[in-house]
């Protein structure tokens, strides 16, 4: 993950080196060489994914001449990706972002003992019906809509027993399918309050600047630029739902016609196309994709 970028671009190598220095660990080598079970630990996966995103963004800016400020209307990120978006928009330093995500990963993992929480994807349900299902399945436990990812794709999160009840009851509410997710903790629900408290403390100690372009924040599905509002939303985000479907609709409604997924993976590209078919969505995470994106953006 990110190895090809580092091998081909000095800007990418510098990002990985700075993240390694900030964390006091060779995270880059874990990202590039594994072992996979170490990389997928939440405390490693979160800063590693951010590093790949920032490496890609820095290559576009420093080596391809694509300025975020001059090219983008907004930045946005899904869950931990919101930190990557803020770092790319110069609201957070790269070192602070790496340390915050390390803390975030550790705090989220520690908030709920392993095996006591769960998450499940509900396919074929809209947000309103998913919320009704979650309320019915809770039965005194925690079960909440955590991610509104796209039309017909909502994720619920909470106590293991409650989420398992939601899976069993899903067809009664019209779900086409319900699938338990292989996650290490129940993210974006009330059970994450200890992690939210830890992030409030960590975020109080870092400088947050106004981003060079507005952030579309997960918890409000709208644009924000005020540093204190950003700080508050990042804390709320730990327990709050990721309103991704609404965020993409906001972006499209503001007149944006193309969105670029910067970093590892293609999940958000696919979601964007499902949410708003008029959007052109492109993934940018390999050297070839960087070249193609830079050429396209120069000619826009």
C-alpha atoms as a PDB file:
ATOM      1  CA  UNK A   1       0.000   0.000   0.000  1.00  0.00           C
ATOM      2  CA  UNK A   2       1.705   3.139  -1.278  1.00  0.00           C
ATOM      3  CA  UNK A   3       4.969   1.403  -2.162  1.00  0.00           C
ATOM      4  CA  UNK A   4       4.731   2.232  -5.882  1.00  0.00           C
ATOM      5  CA  UNK A   5       4.141   5.885  -5.077  1.00  0.00           C
ATOM      6  CA  UNK A   6       7.182   6.010  -2.794  1.00  0.00           C
ATOM      7  CA  UNK A   7       9.323   4.257  -5.387  1.00  0.00           C
ATOM      8  CA  UNK A   8       8.378   6.719  -8.118  1.00  0.00           C
ATOM      9  CA  UNK A   9       7.957  10.081  -6.409  1.00  0.00           C
ATOM     10  CA  UNK A  10      10.123  11.982  -3.933  1.00  0.00           C
ATOM     11  CA  UNK A  11       7.105  13.836  -2.540  1.00  0.00           C
ATOM     12  CA  UNK A  12       5.488  10.530  -1.607  1.00  0.00           C
ATOM     13  CA  UNK A  13       8.664   9.243   0.052  1.00  0.00           C
ATOM     14  CA  UNK A  14       8.857  12.380   2.171  1.00  0.00           C
ATOM     15  CA  UNK A  15       5.281  11.902   3.388  1.00  0.00           C
ATOM     16  CA  UNK A  16       5.972   8.361   4.554  1.00  0.00           C
ATOM     17  CA  UNK A  17       9.204   9.467   6.233  1.00  0.00           C
ATOM     18  CA  UNK A  18       7.430  12.292   8.066  1.00  0.00           C
ATOM     19  CA  UNK A  19       4.670   9.960   9.273  1.00  0.00           C
ATOM     20  CA  UNK A  20       7.272   7.442  10.463  1.00  0.00           C
ATOM     21  CA  UNK A  21       9.104  10.180  12.350  1.00  0.00           C
ATOM     22  CA  UNK A  22       5.913  11.547  13.905  1.00  0.00           C
ATOM     23  CA  UNK A  23       4.864   8.135  15.183  1.00  0.00           C
ATOM     24  CA  UNK A  24       8.304   6.854  16.105  1.00  0.00           C
ATOM     25  CA  UNK A  25       7.684   3.634  14.182  1.00  0.00           C
ATOM     26  CA  UNK A  26       8.386   2.315  10.690  1.00  0.00           C
ATOM     27  CA  UNK A  27       4.748   2.383   9.643  1.00  0.00           C
ATOM     28  CA  UNK A  28       5.759   2.719   5.996  1.00  0.00           C
ATOM     29  CA  UNK A  29       7.377  -0.712   6.026  1.00  0.00           C
ATOM     30  CA  UNK A  30       4.283  -2.240   7.627  1.00  0.00           C
ATOM     31  CA  UNK A  31       2.164  -0.630   4.896  1.00  0.00           C
ATOM     32  CA  UNK A  32       4.468  -1.848   2.141  1.00  0.00           C
ATOM     33  CA  UNK A  33       5.559  -5.248   3.433  1.00  0.00           C
ATOM     34  CA  UNK A  34       3.132  -6.279   6.195  1.00  0.00           C
ATOM     35  CA  UNK A  35       2.485  -8.454   8.035  1.00  0.00           C
ATOM     36  CA  UNK A  36      -1.150  -7.911   7.155  1.00  0.00           C
ATOM     37  CA  UNK A  37      -2.447  -8.639  10.656  1.00  0.00           C
ATOM     38  CA  UNK A  38      -0.231  -5.837  11.999  1.00  0.00           C
ATOM     39  CA  UNK A  39      -1.279  -3.396   9.278  1.00  0.00           C
ATOM     40  CA  UNK A  40      -4.985  -4.061   9.842  1.00  0.00           C
ATOM     41  CA  UNK A  41      -4.787  -3.163  13.531  1.00  0.00           C
ATOM     42  CA  UNK A  42      -6.923  -0.030  13.787  1.00  0.00           C
ATOM     43  CA  UNK A  43      -4.099   2.009  15.310  1.00  0.00           C
ATOM     44  CA  UNK A  44      -1.884   1.229  12.295  1.00  0.00           C
ATOM     45  CA  UNK A  45      -4.490   1.119   9.530  1.00  0.00           C
ATOM     46  CA  UNK A  46      -5.815   4.622  10.205  1.00  0.00           C
ATOM     47  CA  UNK A  47      -2.510   6.542   9.913  1.00  0.00           C
ATOM     48  CA  UNK A  48      -1.339   4.245   7.103  1.00  0.00           C
ATOM     49  CA  UNK A  49      -4.394   4.968   4.955  1.00  0.00           C
ATOM     50  CA  UNK A  50      -3.947   8.667   5.646  1.00  0.00           C
ATOM     51  CA  UNK A  51      -0.289   8.480   4.626  1.00  0.00           C
ATOM     52  CA  UNK A  52      -1.192   6.969   1.251  1.00  0.00           C
ATOM     53  CA  UNK A  53      -3.818   9.649   0.652  1.00  0.00           C
ATOM     54  CA  UNK A  54      -1.443  12.466   1.573  1.00  0.00           C
ATOM     55  CA  UNK A  55       1.382  10.961  -0.450  1.00  0.00           C
ATOM     56  CA  UNK A  56      -0.893  10.956  -3.496  1.00  0.00           C
ATOM     57  CA  UNK A  57      -2.083  14.503  -2.839  1.00  0.00           C
ATOM     58  CA  UNK A  58       1.469  15.804  -2.382  1.00  0.00           C
ATOM     59  CA  UNK A  59       2.616  14.195  -5.629  1.00  0.00           C
ATOM     60  CA  UNK A  60      -0.239  15.862  -7.489  1.00  0.00           C
ATOM     61  CA  UNK A  61       0.575  19.214  -5.937  1.00  0.00           C
ATOM     62  CA  UNK A  62       4.370  19.251  -5.735  1.00  0.00           C
ATOM     63  CA  UNK A  63       5.362  17.187  -8.760  1.00  0.00           C
ATOM     64  CA  UNK A  64       2.408  17.606 -11.123  1.00  0.00           C
ATOM     65  CA  UNK A  65       1.524  21.220 -10.370  1.00  0.00           C
ATOM     66  CA  UNK A  66      -2.093  20.529  -9.374  1.00  0.00           C
ATOM     67  CA  UNK A  67      -2.931  22.959  -6.572  1.00  0.00           C
ATOM     68  CA  UNK A  68      -5.790  21.854  -4.342  1.00  0.00           C
ATOM     69  CA  UNK A  69      -6.702  25.477  -3.634  1.00  0.00           C
ATOM     70  CA  UNK A  70      -6.980  26.306  -7.341  1.00  0.00           C
ATOM     71  CA  UNK A  71      -8.541  23.026  -8.462  1.00  0.00           C
ATOM     72  CA  UNK A  72     -10.953  21.767  -5.808  1.00  0.00           C
ATOM     73  CA  UNK A  73     -14.225  23.236  -4.604  1.00  0.00           C
ATOM     74  CA  UNK A  74     -14.399  21.058  -1.466  1.00  0.00           C
ATOM     75  CA  UNK A  75     -12.584  18.276   0.377  1.00  0.00           C
ATOM     76  CA  UNK A  76     -14.339  15.404   2.144  1.00  0.00           C
ATOM     77  CA  UNK A  77     -13.401  12.115   3.738  1.00  0.00           C
ATOM     78  CA  UNK A  78     -15.305   9.075   4.983  1.00  0.00           C
ATOM     79  CA  UNK A  79     -14.683   8.588   8.719  1.00  0.00           C
ATOM     80  CA  UNK A  80     -10.885   8.570   9.216  1.00  0.00           C
ATOM     81  CA  UNK A  81     -10.619  10.014   5.695  1.00  0.00           C
ATOM     82  CA  UNK A  82     -11.888  13.298   7.090  1.00  0.00           C
ATOM     83  CA  UNK A  83      -8.474  13.711   8.747  1.00  0.00           C
ATOM     84  CA  UNK A  84      -6.756  13.043   5.414  1.00  0.00           C
ATOM     85  CA  UNK A  85      -8.972  15.653   3.777  1.00  0.00           C
ATOM     86  CA  UNK A  86      -8.101  18.228   6.432  1.00  0.00           C
ATOM     87  CA  UNK A  87      -4.379  17.519   6.152  1.00  0.00           C
ATOM     88  CA  UNK A  88      -4.540  17.809   2.355  1.00  0.00           C
ATOM     89  CA  UNK A  89      -6.327  21.150   2.762  1.00  0.00           C
ATOM     90  CA  UNK A  90      -3.618  22.380   5.168  1.00  0.00           C
ATOM     91  CA  UNK A  91      -5.958  22.571   8.177  1.00  0.00           C
ATOM     92  CA  UNK A  92      -3.854  20.023  10.087  1.00  0.00           C
ATOM     93  CA  UNK A  93      -0.129  19.362   9.877  1.00  0.00           C
ATOM     94  CA  UNK A  94       0.874  15.946   8.576  1.00  0.00           C
ATOM     95  CA  UNK A  95       2.636  15.058  11.846  1.00  0.00           C
ATOM     96  CA  UNK A  96      -0.356  16.068  13.969  1.00  0.00           C
ATOM     97  CA  UNK A  97      -2.698  14.135  11.684  1.00  0.00           C
ATOM     98  CA  UNK A  98      -0.614  10.966  12.011  1.00  0.00           C
ATOM     99  CA  UNK A  99      -0.494  11.231  15.806  1.00  0.00           C
ATOM    100  CA  UNK A 100      -4.220  12.016  16.050  1.00  0.00           C
ATOM    101  CA  UNK A 101      -5.113   8.982  13.965  1.00  0.00           C
ATOM    102  CA  UNK A 102      -2.835   6.747  16.035  1.00  0.00           C
ATOM    103  CA  UNK A 103      -4.637   7.977  19.145  1.00  0.00           C
ATOM    104  CA  UNK A 104      -8.013   7.620  17.445  1.00  0.00           C
ATOM    105  CA  UNK A 105      -7.316   4.035  16.455  1.00  0.00           C
ATOM    106  CA  UNK A 106      -6.099   3.078  19.920  1.00  0.00           C
ATOM    107  CA  UNK A 107      -9.012   4.823  21.633  1.00  0.00           C
ATOM    108  CA  UNK A 108     -11.631   3.254  19.368  1.00  0.00           C
ATOM    109  CA  UNK A 109     -10.197  -0.210  19.916  1.00  0.00           C
ATOM    110  CA  UNK A 110     -10.063   0.288  23.675  1.00  0.00           C
ATOM    111  CA  UNK A 111     -13.580   1.734  23.990  1.00  0.00           C
ATOM    112  CA  UNK A 112     -15.373  -1.621  23.705  1.00  0.00           C
ATOM    113  CA  UNK A 113     -13.917  -5.033  24.696  1.00  0.00           C
ATOM    114  CA  UNK A 114     -13.298  -7.308  21.718  1.00  0.00           C
ATOM    115  CA  UNK A 115     -16.360  -9.405  20.976  1.00  0.00           C
ATOM    116  CA  UNK A 116     -18.882  -7.107  22.687  1.00  0.00           C
ATOM    117  CA  UNK A 117     -19.624  -4.891  19.686  1.00  0.00           C
ATOM    118  CA  UNK A 118     -20.511  -5.448  16.036  1.00  0.00           C
ATOM    119  CA  UNK A 119     -21.459  -3.726  12.794  1.00  0.00           C
ATOM    120  CA  UNK A 120     -23.642  -4.928   9.941  1.00  0.00           C
ATOM    121  CA  UNK A 121     -24.397  -3.728   6.426  1.00  0.00           C
ATOM    122  CA  UNK A 122     -28.064  -3.494   5.493  1.00  0.00           C
ATOM    123  CA  UNK A 123     -28.549  -3.741   1.744  1.00  0.00           C
ATOM    124  CA  UNK A 124     -31.734  -2.530   0.113  1.00  0.00           C
ATOM    125  CA  UNK A 125     -32.866  -0.266   2.966  1.00  0.00           C
ATOM    126  CA  UNK A 126     -32.942   3.511   3.018  1.00  0.00           C
ATOM    127  CA  UNK A 127     -31.815   5.446   6.073  1.00  0.00           C
ATOM    128  CA  UNK A 128     -35.271   5.938   7.591  1.00  0.00           C
ATOM    129  CA  UNK A 129     -36.121   2.219   7.481  1.00  0.00           C
ATOM    130  CA  UNK A 130     -32.660   1.290   8.763  1.00  0.00           C
ATOM    131  CA  UNK A 131     -33.157   3.609  11.725  1.00  0.00           C
ATOM    132  CA  UNK A 132     -36.527   1.991  12.488  1.00  0.00           C
ATOM    133  CA  UNK A 133     -34.906  -1.440  12.343  1.00  0.00           C
ATOM    134  CA  UNK A 134     -32.064  -0.342  14.614  1.00  0.00           C
ATOM    135  CA  UNK A 135     -34.524   1.027  17.178  1.00  0.00           C
ATOM    136  CA  UNK A 136     -36.525  -2.209  17.132  1.00  0.00           C
ATOM    137  CA  UNK A 137     -33.424  -4.370  17.440  1.00  0.00           C
ATOM    138  CA  UNK A 138     -31.856  -2.388  20.295  1.00  0.00           C
ATOM    139  CA  UNK A 139     -34.148  -3.736  23.051  1.00  0.00           C
ATOM    140  CA  UNK A 140     -32.237  -1.882  25.747  1.00  0.00           C
ATOM    141  CA  UNK A 141     -28.841  -2.285  24.059  1.00  0.00           C
ATOM    142  CA  UNK A 142     -27.136   0.060  21.590  1.00  0.00           C
ATOM    143  CA  UNK A 143     -27.984  -0.275  17.895  1.00  0.00           C
ATOM    144  CA  UNK A 144     -27.685   2.782  15.663  1.00  0.00           C
ATOM    145  CA  UNK A 145     -27.338   3.719  12.007  1.00  0.00           C
ATOM    146  CA  UNK A 146     -23.618   4.434  11.735  1.00  0.00           C
ATOM    147  CA  UNK A 147     -22.944   4.949   8.018  1.00  0.00           C
ATOM    148  CA  UNK A 148     -25.425   6.168   5.416  1.00  0.00           C
ATOM    149  CA  UNK A 149     -23.162   5.197   2.554  1.00  0.00           C
ATOM    150  CA  UNK A 150     -25.412   5.217  -0.520  1.00  0.00           C
ATOM    151  CA  UNK A 151     -29.004   4.551  -1.515  1.00  0.00           C
ATOM    152  CA  UNK A 152     -29.786   1.073  -0.220  1.00  0.00           C
ATOM    153  CA  UNK A 153     -26.575   0.739   1.780  1.00  0.00           C
ATOM    154  CA  UNK A 154     -26.718   1.629   5.476  1.00  0.00           C
ATOM    155  CA  UNK A 155     -24.441   0.244   8.202  1.00  0.00           C
ATOM    156  CA  UNK A 156     -25.648  -0.253  11.765  1.00  0.00           C
ATOM    157  CA  UNK A 157     -23.364  -0.409  14.787  1.00  0.00           C
ATOM    158  CA  UNK A 158     -23.671  -1.248  18.467  1.00  0.00           C
ATOM    159  CA  UNK A 159     -23.816  -4.063  20.978  1.00  0.00           C
ATOM    160  CA  UNK A 160     -23.162  -7.463  19.411  1.00  0.00           C
ATOM    161  CA  UNK A 161     -26.493  -8.948  20.494  1.00  0.00           C
ATOM    162  CA  UNK A 162     -28.457  -5.961  19.200  1.00  0.00           C
ATOM    163  CA  UNK A 163     -26.692  -5.890  15.834  1.00  0.00           C
ATOM    164  CA  UNK A 164     -27.223  -9.633  15.455  1.00  0.00           C
ATOM    165  CA  UNK A 165     -30.930  -9.080  16.148  1.00  0.00           C
ATOM    166  CA  UNK A 166     -30.953  -6.397  13.453  1.00  0.00           C
ATOM    167  CA  UNK A 167     -29.494  -8.872  10.964  1.00  0.00           C
ATOM    168  CA  UNK A 168     -32.142 -11.462  11.876  1.00  0.00           C
ATOM    169  CA  UNK A 169     -34.972  -8.914  11.623  1.00  0.00           C
ATOM    170  CA  UNK A 170     -33.722  -7.137   8.503  1.00  0.00           C
ATOM    171  CA  UNK A 171     -35.925  -8.929   5.981  1.00  0.00           C
ATOM    172  CA  UNK A 172     -39.032  -7.909   7.961  1.00  0.00           C
ATOM    173  CA  UNK A 173     -38.122  -4.271   7.268  1.00  0.00           C
ATOM    174  CA  UNK A 174     -37.522  -4.849   3.565  1.00  0.00           C
ATOM    175  CA  UNK A 175     -33.770  -5.431   3.458  1.00  0.00           C
ATOM    176  CA  UNK A 176     -32.562  -7.462   0.528  1.00  0.00           C
ATOM    177  CA  UNK A 177     -29.612  -8.728   2.578  1.00  0.00           C
ATOM    178  CA  UNK A 178     -27.926  -8.084   5.926  1.00  0.00           C
ATOM    179  CA  UNK A 179     -24.275  -8.942   6.544  1.00  0.00           C
ATOM    180  CA  UNK A 180     -22.185  -8.788   9.708  1.00  0.00           C
ATOM    181  CA  UNK A 181     -18.945  -6.914   8.979  1.00  0.00           C
ATOM    182  CA  UNK A 182     -15.467  -8.141   9.973  1.00  0.00           C
ATOM    183  CA  UNK A 183     -14.591  -5.146  12.155  1.00  0.00           C
ATOM    184  CA  UNK A 184     -12.688  -4.927  15.408  1.00  0.00           C
ATOM    185  CA  UNK A 185     -15.065  -2.491  17.155  1.00  0.00           C
ATOM    186  CA  UNK A 186     -18.537  -0.909  16.773  1.00  0.00           C
ATOM    187  CA  UNK A 187     -17.557   2.409  15.207  1.00  0.00           C
ATOM    188  CA  UNK A 188     -19.767   5.528  14.986  1.00  0.00           C
ATOM    189  CA  UNK A 189     -22.217   4.709  17.756  1.00  0.00           C
ATOM    190  CA  UNK A 190     -22.751   5.686  21.399  1.00  0.00           C
ATOM    191  CA  UNK A 191     -20.444   2.885  22.598  1.00  0.00           C
ATOM    192  CA  UNK A 192     -17.536   4.945  21.235  1.00  0.00           C
ATOM    193  CA  UNK A 193     -18.036   7.727  23.815  1.00  0.00           C
ATOM    194  CA  UNK A 194     -14.766   6.900  25.650  1.00  0.00           C
ATOM    195  CA  UNK A 195     -12.957   7.299  22.320  1.00  0.00           C
ATOM    196  CA  UNK A 196     -14.736  10.602  21.686  1.00  0.00           C
ATOM    197  CA  UNK A 197     -13.548  11.832  25.090  1.00  0.00           C
ATOM    198  CA  UNK A 198      -9.977  10.798  24.244  1.00  0.00           C
ATOM    199  CA  UNK A 199     -10.156  12.605  20.904  1.00  0.00           C
ATOM    200  CA  UNK A 200     -11.554  15.741  22.516  1.00  0.00           C
ATOM    201  CA  UNK A 201      -8.472  15.871  24.719  1.00  0.00           C
ATOM    202  CA  UNK A 202      -6.067  15.099  21.860  1.00  0.00           C
ATOM    203  CA  UNK A 203      -7.658  17.619  19.512  1.00  0.00           C
ATOM    204  CA  UNK A 204      -7.539  20.339  22.162  1.00  0.00           C
ATOM    205  CA  UNK A 205      -3.738  20.204  21.978  1.00  0.00           C
ATOM    206  CA  UNK A 206      -3.265  20.676  18.220  1.00  0.00           C
ATOM    207  CA  UNK A 207      -3.529  23.684  15.948  1.00  0.00           C
ATOM    208  CA  UNK A 208      -6.361  23.583  13.426  1.00  0.00           C
ATOM    209  CA  UNK A 209      -6.269  26.176  10.643  1.00  0.00           C
ATOM    210  CA  UNK A 210      -8.970  27.177   8.181  1.00  0.00           C
ATOM    211  CA  UNK A 211      -8.714  24.724   5.247  1.00  0.00           C
ATOM    212  CA  UNK A 212      -7.750  26.153   1.869  1.00  0.00           C
ATOM    213  CA  UNK A 213     -11.111  24.871   0.588  1.00  0.00           C
ATOM    214  CA  UNK A 214     -14.143  24.018   2.757  1.00  0.00           C
ATOM    215  CA  UNK A 215     -14.570  20.587   4.335  1.00  0.00           C
ATOM    216  CA  UNK A 216     -17.815  18.665   3.841  1.00  0.00           C
ATOM    217  CA  UNK A 217     -18.071  17.272   7.364  1.00  0.00           C
ATOM    218  CA  UNK A 218     -19.395  13.764   8.040  1.00  0.00           C
ATOM    219  CA  UNK A 219     -21.732  14.721  10.864  1.00  0.00           C
ATOM    220  CA  UNK A 220     -23.400  17.736   9.231  1.00  0.00           C
ATOM    221  CA  UNK A 221     -23.195  16.757   5.529  1.00  0.00           C
ATOM    222  CA  UNK A 222     -22.399  20.376   4.720  1.00  0.00           C
ATOM    223  CA  UNK A 223     -19.425  22.683   4.338  1.00  0.00           C
ATOM    224  CA  UNK A 224     -17.445  24.062   7.270  1.00  0.00           C
ATOM    225  CA  UNK A 225     -14.217  26.070   7.475  1.00  0.00           C
ATOM    226  CA  UNK A 226     -14.107  27.480  11.008  1.00  0.00           C
ATOM    227  CA  UNK A 227     -11.307  25.752  12.978  1.00  0.00           C
ATOM    228  CA  UNK A 228     -13.343  25.410  16.172  1.00  0.00           C
ATOM    229  CA  UNK A 229     -16.304  23.982  14.292  1.00  0.00           C
ATOM    230  CA  UNK A 230     -13.949  21.496  12.638  1.00  0.00           C
ATOM    231  CA  UNK A 231     -12.567  20.515  16.048  1.00  0.00           C
ATOM    232  CA  UNK A 232     -16.086  19.990  17.411  1.00  0.00           C
ATOM    233  CA  UNK A 233     -17.198  17.940  14.398  1.00  0.00           C
ATOM    234  CA  UNK A 234     -14.140  15.677  14.632  1.00  0.00           C
ATOM    235  CA  UNK A 235     -15.079  14.846  18.222  1.00  0.00           C
ATOM    236  CA  UNK A 236     -18.756  14.346  17.381  1.00  0.00           C
ATOM    237  CA  UNK A 237     -17.774  12.175  14.420  1.00  0.00           C
ATOM    238  CA  UNK A 238     -16.473   9.390  16.700  1.00  0.00           C
ATOM    239  CA  UNK A 239     -19.972   8.586  17.971  1.00  0.00           C
ATOM    240  CA  UNK A 240     -21.981  10.219  15.176  1.00  0.00           C
ATOM    241  CA  UNK A 241     -23.162   8.783  11.894  1.00  0.00           C
ATOM    242  CA  UNK A 242     -21.168   9.246   8.691  1.00  0.00           C
ATOM    243  CA  UNK A 243     -23.670  11.015   6.435  1.00  0.00           C
ATOM    244  CA  UNK A 244     -21.860  10.140   3.221  1.00  0.00           C
ATOM    245  CA  UNK A 245     -24.862   9.915   0.885  1.00  0.00           C
ATOM    246  CA  UNK A 246     -25.993  13.394   1.913  1.00  0.00           C
ATOM    247  CA  UNK A 247     -22.442  14.714   1.660  1.00  0.00           C
ATOM    248  CA  UNK A 248     -22.072  13.593  -1.941  1.00  0.00           C
ATOM    249  CA  UNK A 249     -25.499  15.025  -2.798  1.00  0.00           C
ATOM    250  CA  UNK A 250     -24.425  18.338  -1.237  1.00  0.00           C
ATOM    251  CA  UNK A 251     -21.279  18.369  -3.382  1.00  0.00           C
ATOM    252  CA  UNK A 252     -23.250  17.624  -6.547  1.00  0.00           C
ATOM    253  CA  UNK A 253     -25.909  20.181  -5.605  1.00  0.00           C
ATOM    254  CA  UNK A 254     -23.200  22.844  -5.335  1.00  0.00           C
ATOM    255  CA  UNK A 255     -22.371  22.345  -9.002  1.00  0.00           C
ATOM    256  CA  UNK A 256     -19.414  19.951  -8.748  1.00  0.00           C
ATOM    257  CA  UNK A 257     -19.288  17.584 -11.724  1.00  0.00           C
ATOM    258  CA  UNK A 258     -16.168  15.500 -10.976  1.00  0.00           C
ATOM    259  CA  UNK A 259     -14.904  13.909  -7.758  1.00  0.00           C
ATOM    260  CA  UNK A 260     -11.504  12.314  -7.165  1.00  0.00           C
ATOM    261  CA  UNK A 261     -10.842   9.594  -4.579  1.00  0.00           C
ATOM    262  CA  UNK A 262      -7.274  10.303  -3.477  1.00  0.00           C
ATOM    263  CA  UNK A 263      -5.432   7.345  -1.926  1.00  0.00           C
ATOM    264  CA  UNK A 264      -5.883   3.612  -1.506  1.00  0.00           C
ATOM    265  CA  UNK A 265      -8.992   1.895  -2.826  1.00  0.00           C
ATOM    266  CA  UNK A 266     -12.004   2.556  -5.029  1.00  0.00           C
ATOM    267  CA  UNK A 267     -14.907   2.206  -2.589  1.00  0.00           C
ATOM    268  CA  UNK A 268     -15.826   5.896  -2.496  1.00  0.00           C
ATOM    269  CA  UNK A 269     -15.628   6.152  -6.280  1.00  0.00           C
ATOM    270  CA  UNK A 270     -18.255   3.428  -6.552  1.00  0.00           C
ATOM    271  CA  UNK A 271     -20.441   5.002  -3.878  1.00  0.00           C
ATOM    272  CA  UNK A 272     -20.322   8.407  -5.575  1.00  0.00           C
ATOM    273  CA  UNK A 273     -21.570   6.917  -8.825  1.00  0.00           C
ATOM    274  CA  UNK A 274     -24.409   5.159  -7.008  1.00  0.00           C
ATOM    275  CA  UNK A 275     -25.414   8.290  -5.112  1.00  0.00           C
ATOM    276  CA  UNK A 276     -25.380  10.717  -8.030  1.00  0.00           C
ATOM    277  CA  UNK A 277     -25.041   9.242 -11.496  1.00  0.00           C
ATOM    278  CA  UNK A 278     -24.264  12.613 -13.071  1.00  0.00           C
ATOM    279  CA  UNK A 279     -20.942  12.770 -11.178  1.00  0.00           C
ATOM    280  CA  UNK A 280     -17.747  11.712 -12.874  1.00  0.00           C
ATOM    281  CA  UNK A 281     -15.816   9.773 -10.202  1.00  0.00           C
ATOM    282  CA  UNK A 282     -12.164   8.759 -10.518  1.00  0.00           C
ATOM    283  CA  UNK A 283      -9.769   6.877  -8.245  1.00  0.00           C
ATOM    284  CA  UNK A 284      -6.227   8.207  -7.881  1.00  0.00           C
ATOM    285  CA  UNK A 285      -3.816   6.023  -5.945  1.00  0.00           C
ATOM    286  CA  UNK A 286      -1.196   4.545  -8.297  1.00  0.00           C
ATOM    287  CA  UNK A 287       1.521   6.265 -10.357  1.00  0.00           C
ATOM    288  CA  UNK A 288      -0.455   5.676 -13.567  1.00  0.00           C
ATOM    289  CA  UNK A 289      -3.632   7.072 -12.013  1.00  0.00           C
ATOM    290  CA  UNK A 290      -1.721  10.111 -10.762  1.00  0.00           C
ATOM    291  CA  UNK A 291      -0.468  10.807 -14.280  1.00  0.00           C
ATOM    292  CA  UNK A 292      -3.946  10.384 -15.763  1.00  0.00           C
ATOM    293  CA  UNK A 293      -5.582  12.594 -13.139  1.00  0.00           C
ATOM    294  CA  UNK A 294      -2.965  15.329 -13.534  1.00  0.00           C
ATOM    295  CA  UNK A 295      -3.435  15.372 -17.290  1.00  0.00           C
ATOM    296  CA  UNK A 296      -7.223  15.505 -16.942  1.00  0.00           C
ATOM    297  CA  UNK A 297      -7.131  18.282 -14.341  1.00  0.00           C
ATOM    298  CA  UNK A 298      -4.724  20.387 -16.411  1.00  0.00           C
ATOM    299  CA  UNK A 299      -7.070  20.232 -19.374  1.00  0.00           C
ATOM    300  CA  UNK A 300     -10.216  20.968 -17.341  1.00  0.00           C
END
